Amino acid sequence: MHVKRFEDAQPYEAPNHRDVVGLRLQGFEDGGPQNQWVGLSQFLPGGGAGPDTTPFEKVYVVLDGEMTVESGGSETVLRKYDSCTIAPGEVRTLENRSNHTCSMLVVIPYPAKAN
C-alpha cells in the first residue's frame, strides 16, 4: 500500500488552465500507481481550461461546486459527485460559472514513454 497524506501533495501547473490550483495526490513517485496519476484541481469562480485535447482519456469527478464541460458542440454542468470521461482526441472546455470554488478529482494515464 502506498499512502500519501494530503499535506504532502505537491502543486503542479496544468497547461492551458486558468485560475486553478492543481495538487498531485498520487503518481509520478516511487511506490505510487503504475498506470495513472490522480490530481485535485481547485477552480476559482471564472476559472477553467481549454479548449484543448490530449491523446489519452481523462476522468473528471466533481467533489464540490460545479463545472460546465463543453465538448462536441454540447455542454453539461457537473455537480457534486457527477463525473465524465473525456475520450482521447476529444476537444473539451471547462469553465466554473458559479460563485463557488469547484474541487475536481482528475484521473489521467501516464504519458506514453519514448522508445
PDB file of N, CA and C in Angstrom:
ATOM      1  N   MET A   1       0.854  -1.179   0.000  1.00  0.00           N
ATOM      2  CA  MET A   1       0.000   0.000   0.000  1.00  0.00           C
ATOM      3  C   MET A   1       0.893   1.232   0.000  1.00  0.00           C
ATOM      4  N   HIS A   2       0.500   2.211  -0.799  1.00  0.00           N
ATOM      5  CA  HIS A   2       1.221   3.484  -0.864  1.00  0.00           C
ATOM      6  C   HIS A   2       0.286   4.576  -0.355  1.00  0.00           C
ATOM      7  N   VAL A   3       0.606   5.143   0.787  1.00  0.00           N
ATOM      8  CA  VAL A   3      -0.204   6.206   1.376  1.00  0.00           C
ATOM      9  C   VAL A   3       0.500   7.537   1.150  1.00  0.00           C
ATOM     10  N   LYS A   4      -0.270   8.513   0.726  1.00  0.00           N
ATOM     11  CA  LYS A   4       0.245   9.875   0.594  1.00  0.00           C
ATOM     12  C   LYS A   4      -0.749  10.798   1.279  1.00  0.00           C
ATOM     13  N   ARG A   5      -0.286  11.531   2.245  1.00  0.00           N
ATOM     14  CA  ARG A   5      -1.145  12.444   3.002  1.00  0.00           C
ATOM     15  C   ARG A   5      -1.399  13.711   2.191  1.00  0.00           C
ATOM     16  N   PHE A   6      -2.593  14.261   2.377  1.00  0.00           N
ATOM     17  CA  PHE A   6      -2.962  15.481   1.656  1.00  0.00           C
ATOM     18  C   PHE A   6      -1.945  16.599   1.894  1.00  0.00           C
ATOM     19  N   GLU A   7      -1.422  16.663   3.114  1.00  0.00           N
ATOM     20  CA  GLU A   7      -0.432  17.701   3.442  1.00  0.00           C
ATOM     21  C   GLU A   7       0.831  17.573   2.587  1.00  0.00           C
ATOM     22  N   ASP A   8       1.081  16.393   2.039  1.00  0.00           N
ATOM     23  CA  ASP A   8       2.278  16.148   1.242  1.00  0.00           C
ATOM     24  C   ASP A   8       2.049  16.295  -0.260  1.00  0.00           C
ATOM     25  N   ALA A   9       0.817  16.565  -0.667  1.00  0.00           N
ATOM     26  CA  ALA A   9       0.515  16.735  -2.091  1.00  0.00           C
ATOM     27  C   ALA A   9       1.229  17.977  -2.613  1.00  0.00           C
ATOM     28  N   GLN A  10       1.843  17.848  -3.771  1.00  0.00           N
ATOM     29  CA  GLN A  10       2.597  18.948  -4.373  1.00  0.00           C
ATOM     30  C   GLN A  10       1.786  19.609  -5.487  1.00  0.00           C
ATOM     31  N   PRO A  11       1.867  20.934  -5.578  1.00  0.00           N
ATOM     32  CA  PRO A  11       1.159  21.627  -6.666  1.00  0.00           C
ATOM     33  C   PRO A  11       1.817  21.333  -8.012  1.00  0.00           C
ATOM     34  N   TYR A  12       1.025  21.436  -9.058  1.00  0.00           N
ATOM     35  CA  TYR A  12       1.542  21.287 -10.418  1.00  0.00           C
ATOM     36  C   TYR A  12       0.828  22.280 -11.324  1.00  0.00           C
ATOM     37  N   GLU A  13       1.503  22.670 -12.376  1.00  0.00           N
ATOM     38  CA  GLU A  13       0.940  23.584 -13.375  1.00  0.00           C
ATOM     39  C   GLU A  13       0.347  22.767 -14.506  1.00  0.00           C
ATOM     40  N   ALA A  14      -0.892  23.018 -14.839  1.00  0.00           N
ATOM     41  CA  ALA A  14      -1.542  22.343 -15.961  1.00  0.00           C
ATOM     42  C   ALA A  14      -1.602  23.319 -17.136  1.00  0.00           C
ATOM     43  N   PRO A  15      -1.129  22.897 -18.307  1.00  0.00           N
ATOM     44  CA  PRO A  15      -1.146  23.789 -19.457  1.00  0.00           C
ATOM     45  C   PRO A  15      -2.569  24.196 -19.849  1.00  0.00           C
ATOM     46  N   ASN A  16      -2.701  25.431 -20.302  1.00  0.00           N
ATOM     47  CA  ASN A  16      -3.963  25.980 -20.813  1.00  0.00           C
ATOM     48  C   ASN A  16      -5.075  25.966 -19.758  1.00  0.00           C
ATOM     49  N   HIS A  17      -4.717  26.111 -18.481  1.00  0.00           N
ATOM     50  CA  HIS A  17      -5.666  26.244 -17.375  1.00  0.00           C
ATOM     51  C   HIS A  17      -5.540  27.653 -16.806  1.00  0.00           C
ATOM     52  N   ARG A  18      -6.618  28.153 -16.232  1.00  0.00           N
ATOM     53  CA  ARG A  18      -6.588  29.488 -15.622  1.00  0.00           C
ATOM     54  C   ARG A  18      -7.351  29.482 -14.297  1.00  0.00           C
ATOM     55  N   ASP A  19      -6.863  30.269 -13.367  1.00  0.00           N
ATOM     56  CA  ASP A  19      -7.485  30.411 -12.045  1.00  0.00           C
ATOM     57  C   ASP A  19      -7.776  29.050 -11.404  1.00  0.00           C
ATOM     58  N   VAL A  20      -6.725  28.226 -11.363  1.00  0.00           N
ATOM     59  CA  VAL A  20      -6.842  26.891 -10.790  1.00  0.00           C
ATOM     60  C   VAL A  20      -5.555  26.548 -10.049  1.00  0.00           C
ATOM     61  N   VAL A  21      -5.691  25.805  -8.975  1.00  0.00           N
ATOM     62  CA  VAL A  21      -4.542  25.223  -8.293  1.00  0.00           C
ATOM     63  C   VAL A  21      -4.695  23.711  -8.384  1.00  0.00           C
ATOM     64  N   GLY A  22      -3.683  23.053  -8.940  1.00  0.00           N
ATOM     65  CA  GLY A  22      -3.688  21.603  -9.049  1.00  0.00           C
ATOM     66  C   GLY A  22      -2.748  20.995  -8.022  1.00  0.00           C
ATOM     67  N   LEU A  23      -3.193  19.948  -7.340  1.00  0.00           N
ATOM     68  CA  LEU A  23      -2.356  19.221  -6.394  1.00  0.00           C
ATOM     69  C   LEU A  23      -2.277  17.772  -6.853  1.00  0.00           C
ATOM     70  N   ARG A  24      -1.078  17.228  -6.924  1.00  0.00           N
ATOM     71  CA  ARG A  24      -0.895  15.826  -7.300  1.00  0.00           C
ATOM     72  C   ARG A  24      -1.084  14.976  -6.050  1.00  0.00           C
ATOM     73  N   LEU A  25      -2.164  14.176  -6.030  1.00  0.00           N
ATOM     74  CA  LEU A  25      -2.464  13.328  -4.889  1.00  0.00           C
ATOM     75  C   LEU A  25      -1.708  12.006  -4.953  1.00  0.00           C
ATOM     76  N   GLN A  26      -1.596  11.449  -6.147  1.00  0.00           N
ATOM     77  CA  GLN A  26      -0.887  10.183  -6.358  1.00  0.00           C
ATOM     78  C   GLN A  26      -0.246  10.223  -7.742  1.00  0.00           C
ATOM     79  N   GLY A  27       0.928   9.614  -7.854  1.00  0.00           N
ATOM     80  CA  GLY A  27       1.542   9.447  -9.161  1.00  0.00           C
ATOM     81  C   GLY A  27       2.894  10.108  -9.292  1.00  0.00           C
ATOM     82  N   PHE A  28       3.664   9.606 -10.271  1.00  0.00           N
ATOM     83  CA  PHE A  28       4.996  10.107 -10.577  1.00  0.00           C
ATOM     84  C   PHE A  28       5.923  10.029  -9.360  1.00  0.00           C
ATOM     85  N   GLU A  29       5.803   8.941  -8.586  1.00  0.00           N
ATOM     86  CA  GLU A  29       6.631   8.779  -7.391  1.00  0.00           C
ATOM     87  C   GLU A  29       6.861   7.296  -7.128  1.00  0.00           C
ATOM     88  N   ASP A  30       7.955   6.987  -6.467  1.00  0.00           N
ATOM     89  CA  ASP A  30       8.261   5.604  -6.116  1.00  0.00           C
ATOM     90  C   ASP A  30       7.146   5.022  -5.253  1.00  0.00           C
ATOM     91  N   GLY A  31       6.717   3.821  -5.612  1.00  0.00           N
ATOM     92  CA  GLY A  31       5.687   3.132  -4.845  1.00  0.00           C
ATOM     93  C   GLY A  31       4.273   3.533  -5.191  1.00  0.00           C
ATOM     94  N   GLY A  32       4.119   4.555  -6.039  1.00  0.00           N
ATOM     95  CA  GLY A  32       2.792   5.036  -6.407  1.00  0.00           C
ATOM     96  C   GLY A  32       2.170   4.211  -7.519  1.00  0.00           C
ATOM     97  N   PRO A  33       1.042   4.660  -8.045  1.00  0.00           N
ATOM     98  CA  PRO A  33       0.352   3.912  -9.086  1.00  0.00           C
ATOM     99  C   PRO A  33       1.216   3.760 -10.341  1.00  0.00           C
ATOM    100  N   GLN A  34       1.031   2.634 -11.021  1.00  0.00           N
ATOM    101  CA  GLN A  34       1.837   2.317 -12.206  1.00  0.00           C
ATOM    102  C   GLN A  34       1.186   2.759 -13.512  1.00  0.00           C
ATOM    103  N   ASN A  35      -0.137   2.956 -13.525  1.00  0.00           N
ATOM    104  CA  ASN A  35      -0.848   3.202 -14.776  1.00  0.00           C
ATOM    105  C   ASN A  35      -1.398   4.605 -14.951  1.00  0.00           C
ATOM    106  N   GLN A  36      -1.668   5.293 -13.856  1.00  0.00           N
ATOM    107  CA  GLN A  36      -2.286   6.612 -13.933  1.00  0.00           C
ATOM    108  C   GLN A  36      -1.880   7.449 -12.732  1.00  0.00           C
ATOM    109  N   TRP A  37      -2.146   8.746 -12.836  1.00  0.00           N
ATOM    110  CA  TRP A  37      -1.924   9.622 -11.702  1.00  0.00           C
ATOM    111  C   TRP A  37      -3.235  10.321 -11.369  1.00  0.00           C
ATOM    112  N   VAL A  38      -3.327  10.831 -10.147  1.00  0.00           N
ATOM    113  CA  VAL A  38      -4.559  11.432  -9.654  1.00  0.00           C
ATOM    114  C   VAL A  38      -4.251  12.827  -9.131  1.00  0.00           C
ATOM    115  N   GLY A  39      -5.031  13.783  -9.597  1.00  0.00           N
ATOM    116  CA  GLY A  39      -4.858  15.159  -9.152  1.00  0.00           C
ATOM    117  C   GLY A  39      -6.146  15.719  -8.584  1.00  0.00           C
ATOM    118  N   LEU A  40      -5.999  16.769  -7.801  1.00  0.00           N
ATOM    119  CA  LEU A  40      -7.138  17.532  -7.293  1.00  0.00           C
ATOM    120  C   LEU A  40      -7.009  18.932  -7.864  1.00  0.00           C
ATOM    121  N   SER A  41      -7.980  19.334  -8.680  1.00  0.00           N
ATOM    122  CA  SER A  41      -7.989  20.675  -9.267  1.00  0.00           C
ATOM    123  C   SER A  41      -9.008  21.519  -8.517  1.00  0.00           C
ATOM    124  N   GLN A  42      -8.572  22.703  -8.079  1.00  0.00           N
ATOM    125  CA  GLN A  42      -9.445  23.619  -7.359  1.00  0.00           C
ATOM    126  C   GLN A  42      -9.584  24.890  -8.195  1.00  0.00           C
ATOM    127  N   PHE A  43     -10.751  25.023  -8.859  1.00  0.00           N
ATOM    128  CA  PHE A  43     -11.010  26.126  -9.780  1.00  0.00           C
ATOM    129  C   PHE A  43     -11.745  27.251  -9.068  1.00  0.00           C
ATOM    130  N   LEU A  44     -11.203  28.447  -9.159  1.00  0.00           N
ATOM    131  CA  LEU A  44     -11.889  29.623  -8.644  1.00  0.00           C
ATOM    132  C   LEU A  44     -13.073  29.964  -9.543  1.00  0.00           C
ATOM    133  N   PRO A  45     -14.018  30.787  -9.066  1.00  0.00           N
ATOM    134  CA  PRO A  45     -15.085  31.252  -9.944  1.00  0.00           C
ATOM    135  C   PRO A  45     -14.467  31.896 -11.196  1.00  0.00           C
ATOM    136  N   GLY A  46     -14.990  31.522 -12.350  1.00  0.00           N
ATOM    137  CA  GLY A  46     -14.459  32.026 -13.620  1.00  0.00           C
ATOM    138  C   GLY A  46     -13.273  31.229 -14.138  1.00  0.00           C
ATOM    139  N   GLY A  47     -12.742  30.336 -13.336  1.00  0.00           N
ATOM    140  CA  GLY A  47     -11.598  29.529 -13.758  1.00  0.00           C
ATOM    141  C   GLY A  47     -12.021  28.453 -14.740  1.00  0.00           C
ATOM    142  N   GLY A  48     -11.040  27.911 -15.425  1.00  0.00           N
ATOM    143  CA  GLY A  48     -11.367  26.865 -16.381  1.00  0.00           C
ATOM    144  C   GLY A  48     -10.145  26.357 -17.106  1.00  0.00           C
ATOM    145  N   ALA A  49     -10.399  25.691 -18.229  1.00  0.00           N
ATOM    146  CA  ALA A  49      -9.326  25.107 -19.030  1.00  0.00           C
ATOM    147  C   ALA A  49      -9.793  24.953 -20.465  1.00  0.00           C
ATOM    148  N   GLY A  50      -8.836  25.022 -21.377  1.00  0.00           N
ATOM    149  CA  GLY A  50      -9.103  24.756 -22.785  1.00  0.00           C
ATOM    150  C   GLY A  50      -9.600  25.967 -23.529  1.00  0.00           C
ATOM    151  N   PRO A  51     -10.050  25.707 -24.745  1.00  0.00           N
ATOM    152  CA  PRO A  51     -10.262  24.393 -25.337  1.00  0.00           C
ATOM    153  C   PRO A  51      -8.941  23.715 -25.695  1.00  0.00           C
ATOM    154  N   ASP A  52      -8.912  22.407 -25.460  1.00  0.00           N
ATOM    155  CA  ASP A  52      -7.769  21.612 -25.876  1.00  0.00           C
ATOM    156  C   ASP A  52      -8.114  20.138 -25.869  1.00  0.00           C
ATOM    157  N   THR A  53      -7.144  19.340 -26.242  1.00  0.00           N
ATOM    158  CA  THR A  53      -7.328  17.895 -26.338  1.00  0.00           C
ATOM    159  C   THR A  53      -6.041  17.202 -25.934  1.00  0.00           C
ATOM    160  N   THR A  54      -6.148  15.929 -25.576  1.00  0.00           N
ATOM    161  CA  THR A  54      -4.968  15.124 -25.267  1.00  0.00           C
ATOM    162  C   THR A  54      -5.090  13.784 -25.992  1.00  0.00           C
ATOM    163  N   PRO A  55      -3.973  13.082 -26.178  1.00  0.00           N
ATOM    164  CA  PRO A  55      -4.026  11.793 -26.860  1.00  0.00           C
ATOM    165  C   PRO A  55      -4.451  10.643 -25.937  1.00  0.00           C
ATOM    166  N   PHE A  56      -4.863  10.936 -24.723  1.00  0.00           N
ATOM    167  CA  PHE A  56      -5.273   9.911 -23.763  1.00  0.00           C
ATOM    168  C   PHE A  56      -6.570  10.352 -23.096  1.00  0.00           C
ATOM    169  N   GLU A  57      -7.312   9.380 -22.548  1.00  0.00           N
ATOM    170  CA  GLU A  57      -8.566   9.727 -21.883  1.00  0.00           C
ATOM    171  C   GLU A  57      -8.314  10.317 -20.499  1.00  0.00           C
ATOM    172  N   LYS A  58      -9.311  11.062 -20.021  1.00  0.00           N
ATOM    173  CA  LYS A  58      -9.270  11.660 -18.691  1.00  0.00           C
ATOM    174  C   LYS A  58     -10.618  11.406 -18.030  1.00  0.00           C
ATOM    175  N   VAL A  59     -10.602  11.278 -16.710  1.00  0.00           N
ATOM    176  CA  VAL A  59     -11.839  11.162 -15.939  1.00  0.00           C
ATOM    177  C   VAL A  59     -11.875  12.341 -14.973  1.00  0.00           C
ATOM    178  N   TYR A  60     -13.014  13.035 -14.942  1.00  0.00           N
ATOM    179  CA  TYR A  60     -13.244  14.134 -14.016  1.00  0.00           C
ATOM    180  C   TYR A  60     -14.354  13.740 -13.055  1.00  0.00           C
ATOM    181  N   VAL A  61     -14.149  14.009 -11.748  1.00  0.00           N
ATOM    182  CA  VAL A  61     -15.169  13.778 -10.729  1.00  0.00           C
ATOM    183  C   VAL A  61     -15.280  15.058  -9.911  1.00  0.00           C
ATOM    184  N   VAL A  62     -16.434  15.696  -9.931  1.00  0.00           N
ATOM    185  CA  VAL A  62     -16.629  16.911  -9.145  1.00  0.00           C
ATOM    186  C   VAL A  62     -16.889  16.509  -7.693  1.00  0.00           C
ATOM    187  N   LEU A  63     -16.075  17.035  -6.798  1.00  0.00           N
ATOM    188  CA  LEU A  63     -16.213  16.747  -5.363  1.00  0.00           C
ATOM    189  C   LEU A  63     -17.016  17.813  -4.641  1.00  0.00           C
ATOM    190  N   ASP A  64     -16.955  19.048  -5.171  1.00  0.00           N
ATOM    191  CA  ASP A  64     -17.696  20.149  -4.574  1.00  0.00           C
ATOM    192  C   ASP A  64     -17.835  21.246  -5.610  1.00  0.00           C
ATOM    193  N   GLY A  65     -18.950  21.963  -5.566  1.00  0.00           N
ATOM    194  CA  GLY A  65     -19.186  23.024  -6.537  1.00  0.00           C
ATOM    195  C   GLY A  65     -19.743  22.455  -7.824  1.00  0.00           C
ATOM    196  N   GLU A  66     -19.496  23.174  -8.920  1.00  0.00           N
ATOM    197  CA  GLU A  66     -19.966  22.713 -10.221  1.00  0.00           C
ATOM    198  C   GLU A  66     -19.026  23.177 -11.317  1.00  0.00           C
ATOM    199  N   MET A  67     -19.019  22.409 -12.403  1.00  0.00           N
ATOM    200  CA  MET A  67     -18.156  22.698 -13.540  1.00  0.00           C
ATOM    201  C   MET A  67     -18.943  22.488 -14.825  1.00  0.00           C
ATOM    202  N   THR A  68     -18.900  23.481 -15.713  1.00  0.00           N
ATOM    203  CA  THR A  68     -19.505  23.343 -17.031  1.00  0.00           C
ATOM    204  C   THR A  68     -18.467  22.744 -17.965  1.00  0.00           C
ATOM    205  N   VAL A  69     -18.835  21.642 -18.618  1.00  0.00           N
ATOM    206  CA  VAL A  69     -17.951  20.949 -19.554  1.00  0.00           C
ATOM    207  C   VAL A  69     -18.584  21.039 -20.933  1.00  0.00           C
ATOM    208  N   GLU A  70     -17.830  21.575 -21.895  1.00  0.00           N
ATOM    209  CA  GLU A  70     -18.302  21.679 -23.272  1.00  0.00           C
ATOM    210  C   GLU A  70     -17.463  20.781 -24.143  1.00  0.00           C
ATOM    211  N   SER A  71     -18.136  20.007 -24.988  1.00  0.00           N
ATOM    212  CA  SER A  71     -17.436  19.128 -25.910  1.00  0.00           C
ATOM    213  C   SER A  71     -18.366  18.776 -27.064  1.00  0.00           C
ATOM    214  N   GLY A  72     -17.831  18.766 -28.265  1.00  0.00           N
ATOM    215  CA  GLY A  72     -18.618  18.348 -29.422  1.00  0.00           C
ATOM    216  C   GLY A  72     -19.846  19.187 -29.679  1.00  0.00           C
ATOM    217  N   GLY A  73     -19.811  20.456 -29.329  1.00  0.00           N
ATOM    218  CA  GLY A  73     -20.944  21.336 -29.579  1.00  0.00           C
ATOM    219  C   GLY A  73     -22.037  21.286 -28.526  1.00  0.00           C
ATOM    220  N   SER A  74     -21.869  20.477 -27.499  1.00  0.00           N
ATOM    221  CA  SER A  74     -22.855  20.459 -26.415  1.00  0.00           C
ATOM    222  C   SER A  74     -22.145  20.706 -25.099  1.00  0.00           C
ATOM    223  N   GLU A  75     -22.935  21.102 -24.105  1.00  0.00           N
ATOM    224  CA  GLU A  75     -22.347  21.328 -22.786  1.00  0.00           C
ATOM    225  C   GLU A  75     -23.240  20.744 -21.716  1.00  0.00           C
ATOM    226  N   THR A  76     -22.606  20.435 -20.594  1.00  0.00           N
ATOM    227  CA  THR A  76     -23.329  19.911 -19.441  1.00  0.00           C
ATOM    228  C   THR A  76     -22.695  20.477 -18.183  1.00  0.00           C
ATOM    229  N   VAL A  77     -23.456  20.552 -17.122  1.00  0.00           N
ATOM    230  CA  VAL A  77     -22.954  21.017 -15.834  1.00  0.00           C
ATOM    231  C   VAL A  77     -22.806  19.808 -14.921  1.00  0.00           C
ATOM    232  N   LEU A  78     -21.581  19.584 -14.467  1.00  0.00           N
ATOM    233  CA  LEU A  78     -21.316  18.535 -13.491  1.00  0.00           C
ATOM    234  C   LEU A  78     -21.402  19.148 -12.099  1.00  0.00           C
ATOM    235  N   ARG A  79     -22.129  18.468 -11.225  1.00  0.00           N
ATOM    236  CA  ARG A  79     -22.258  18.912  -9.841  1.00  0.00           C
ATOM    237  C   ARG A  79     -21.668  17.854  -8.920  1.00  0.00           C
ATOM    238  N   LYS A  80     -21.746  18.078  -7.631  1.00  0.00           N
ATOM    239  CA  LYS A  80     -21.132  17.203  -6.636  1.00  0.00           C
ATOM    240  C   LYS A  80     -21.375  15.724  -6.942  1.00  0.00           C
ATOM    241  N   TYR A  81     -20.279  14.982  -7.053  1.00  0.00           N
ATOM    242  CA  TYR A  81     -20.209  13.547  -7.320  1.00  0.00           C
ATOM    243  C   TYR A  81     -20.582  13.139  -8.744  1.00  0.00           C
ATOM    244  N   ASP A  82     -20.898  14.104  -9.615  1.00  0.00           N
ATOM    245  CA  ASP A  82     -21.064  13.791 -11.032  1.00  0.00           C
ATOM    246  C   ASP A  82     -19.676  13.586 -11.626  1.00  0.00           C
ATOM    247  N   SER A  83     -19.612  12.797 -12.700  1.00  0.00           N
ATOM    248  CA  SER A  83     -18.323  12.540 -13.340  1.00  0.00           C
ATOM    249  C   SER A  83     -18.504  12.423 -14.845  1.00  0.00           C
ATOM    250  N   CYS A  84     -17.398  12.529 -15.559  1.00  0.00           N
ATOM    251  CA  CYS A  84     -17.419  12.317 -17.003  1.00  0.00           C
ATOM    252  C   CYS A  84     -16.059  11.789 -17.443  1.00  0.00           C
ATOM    253  N   THR A  85     -16.078  11.119 -18.582  1.00  0.00           N
ATOM    254  CA  THR A  85     -14.858  10.659 -19.223  1.00  0.00           C
ATOM    255  C   THR A  85     -14.692  11.445 -20.510  1.00  0.00           C
ATOM    256  N   ILE A  86     -13.504  11.975 -20.720  1.00  0.00           N
ATOM    257  CA  ILE A  86     -13.158  12.661 -21.963  1.00  0.00           C
ATOM    258  C   ILE A  86     -12.294  11.698 -22.770  1.00  0.00           C
ATOM    259  N   ALA A  87     -12.737  11.370 -23.966  1.00  0.00           N
ATOM    260  CA  ALA A  87     -12.043  10.383 -24.804  1.00  0.00           C
ATOM    261  C   ALA A  87     -10.753  10.958 -25.385  1.00  0.00           C
ATOM    262  N   PRO A  88      -9.824  10.090 -25.769  1.00  0.00           N
ATOM    263  CA  PRO A  88      -8.609  10.567 -26.445  1.00  0.00           C
ATOM    264  C   PRO A  88      -8.991  11.366 -27.696  1.00  0.00           C
ATOM    265  N   GLY A  89      -8.363  12.515 -27.878  1.00  0.00           N
ATOM    266  CA  GLY A  89      -8.618  13.345 -29.045  1.00  0.00           C
ATOM    267  C   GLY A  89      -9.874  14.193 -28.965  1.00  0.00           C
ATOM    268  N   GLU A  90     -10.675  14.046 -27.922  1.00  0.00           N
ATOM    269  CA  GLU A  90     -11.906  14.829 -27.768  1.00  0.00           C
ATOM    270  C   GLU A  90     -11.562  16.238 -27.278  1.00  0.00           C
ATOM    271  N   VAL A  91     -12.008  17.248 -28.003  1.00  0.00           N
ATOM    272  CA  VAL A  91     -11.766  18.637 -27.597  1.00  0.00           C
ATOM    273  C   VAL A  91     -12.774  18.994 -26.514  1.00  0.00           C
ATOM    274  N   ARG A  92     -12.280  19.562 -25.410  1.00  0.00           N
ATOM    275  CA  ARG A  92     -13.163  19.948 -24.313  1.00  0.00           C
ATOM    276  C   ARG A  92     -12.748  21.295 -23.750  1.00  0.00           C
ATOM    277  N   THR A  93     -13.744  21.977 -23.185  1.00  0.00           N
ATOM    278  CA  THR A  93     -13.532  23.232 -22.475  1.00  0.00           C
ATOM    279  C   THR A  93     -14.187  23.092 -21.106  1.00  0.00           C
ATOM    280  N   LEU A  94     -13.502  23.572 -20.067  1.00  0.00           N
ATOM    281  CA  LEU A  94     -14.043  23.578 -18.711  1.00  0.00           C
ATOM    282  C   LEU A  94     -14.212  25.025 -18.262  1.00  0.00           C
ATOM    283  N   GLU A  95     -15.317  25.319 -17.556  1.00  0.00           N
ATOM    284  CA  GLU A  95     -15.498  26.662 -17.007  1.00  0.00           C
ATOM    285  C   GLU A  95     -16.340  26.590 -15.740  1.00  0.00           C
ATOM    286  N   ASN A  96     -15.816  27.182 -14.667  1.00  0.00           N
ATOM    287  CA  ASN A  96     -16.567  27.308 -13.423  1.00  0.00           C
ATOM    288  C   ASN A  96     -17.372  28.595 -13.511  1.00  0.00           C
ATOM    289  N   ARG A  97     -18.643  28.479 -13.819  1.00  0.00           N
ATOM    290  CA  ARG A  97     -19.518  29.646 -13.996  1.00  0.00           C
ATOM    291  C   ARG A  97     -20.229  30.035 -12.711  1.00  0.00           C
ATOM    292  N   SER A  98     -19.922  29.359 -11.623  1.00  0.00           N
ATOM    293  CA  SER A  98     -20.570  29.660 -10.345  1.00  0.00           C
ATOM    294  C   SER A  98     -19.716  30.641  -9.541  1.00  0.00           C
ATOM    295  N   ASN A  99     -20.240  31.050  -8.406  1.00  0.00           N
ATOM    296  CA  ASN A  99     -19.506  31.932  -7.499  1.00  0.00           C
ATOM    297  C   ASN A  99     -18.811  31.145  -6.387  1.00  0.00           C
ATOM    298  N   HIS A 100     -18.746  29.820  -6.524  1.00  0.00           N
ATOM    299  CA  HIS A 100     -18.109  28.954  -5.537  1.00  0.00           C
ATOM    300  C   HIS A 100     -16.915  28.250  -6.170  1.00  0.00           C
ATOM    301  N   THR A 101     -15.943  27.914  -5.352  1.00  0.00           N
ATOM    302  CA  THR A 101     -14.810  27.128  -5.837  1.00  0.00           C
ATOM    303  C   THR A 101     -15.301  25.736  -6.226  1.00  0.00           C
ATOM    304  N   CYS A 102     -14.779  25.221  -7.322  1.00  0.00           N
ATOM    305  CA  CYS A 102     -15.081  23.857  -7.750  1.00  0.00           C
ATOM    306  C   CYS A 102     -13.860  22.990  -7.480  1.00  0.00           C
ATOM    307  N   SER A 103     -14.048  21.918  -6.702  1.00  0.00           N
ATOM    308  CA  SER A 103     -12.981  20.950  -6.451  1.00  0.00           C
ATOM    309  C   SER A 103     -13.276  19.719  -7.296  1.00  0.00           C
ATOM    310  N   MET A 104     -12.291  19.328  -8.094  1.00  0.00           N
ATOM    311  CA  MET A 104     -12.499  18.246  -9.039  1.00  0.00           C
ATOM    312  C   MET A 104     -11.334  17.270  -9.004  1.00  0.00           C
ATOM    313  N   LEU A 105     -11.651  15.987  -8.869  1.00  0.00           N
ATOM    314  CA  LEU A 105     -10.661  14.928  -8.941  1.00  0.00           C
ATOM    315  C   LEU A 105     -10.410  14.625 -10.417  1.00  0.00           C
ATOM    316  N   VAL A 106      -9.138  14.460 -10.777  1.00  0.00           N
ATOM    317  CA  VAL A 106      -8.756  14.195 -12.160  1.00  0.00           C
ATOM    318  C   VAL A 106      -7.906  12.931 -12.187  1.00  0.00           C
ATOM    319  N   VAL A 107      -8.279  11.981 -13.036  1.00  0.00           N
ATOM    320  CA  VAL A 107      -7.527  10.730 -13.184  1.00  0.00           C
ATOM    321  C   VAL A 107      -7.055  10.660 -14.632  1.00  0.00           C
ATOM    322  N   ILE A 108      -5.726  10.566 -14.813  1.00  0.00           N
ATOM    323  CA  ILE A 108      -5.133  10.598 -16.147  1.00  0.00           C
ATOM    324  C   ILE A 108      -4.050   9.533 -16.240  1.00  0.00           C
ATOM    325  N   PRO A 109      -4.021   8.777 -17.348  1.00  0.00           N
ATOM    326  CA  PRO A 109      -2.929   7.808 -17.507  1.00  0.00           C
ATOM    327  C   PRO A 109      -1.599   8.531 -17.712  1.00  0.00           C
ATOM    328  N   TYR A 110      -0.540   7.842 -17.391  1.00  0.00           N
ATOM    329  CA  TYR A 110       0.779   8.408 -17.642  1.00  0.00           C
ATOM    330  C   TYR A 110       0.993   8.576 -19.142  1.00  0.00           C
ATOM    331  N   PRO A 111       1.781   9.583 -19.538  1.00  0.00           N
ATOM    332  CA  PRO A 111       2.090   9.738 -20.962  1.00  0.00           C
ATOM    333  C   PRO A 111       2.883   8.519 -21.458  1.00  0.00           C
ATOM    334  N   ALA A 112       2.732   8.237 -22.734  1.00  0.00           N
ATOM    335  CA  ALA A 112       3.484   7.118 -23.327  1.00  0.00           C
ATOM    336  C   ALA A 112       4.969   7.395 -23.228  1.00  0.00           C
ATOM    337  N   LYS A 113       5.749   6.350 -22.940  1.00  0.00           N
ATOM    338  CA  LYS A 113       7.187   6.503 -22.840  1.00  0.00           C
ATOM    339  C   LYS A 113       7.813   6.521 -24.222  1.00  0.00           C
ATOM    340  N   ALA A 114       8.814   7.372 -24.385  1.00  0.00           N
ATOM    341  CA  ALA A 114       9.514   7.440 -25.669  1.00  0.00           C
ATOM    342  C   ALA A 114      10.343   6.174 -25.860  1.00  0.00           C
ATOM    343  N   ASN A 115      10.362   5.681 -27.071  1.00  0.00           N
ATOM    344  CA  ASN A 115      11.151   4.465 -27.370  1.00  0.00           C
ATOM    345  C   ASN A 115      12.616   4.782 -27.561  1.00  0.00           C
TER     346      ASN A 115
END
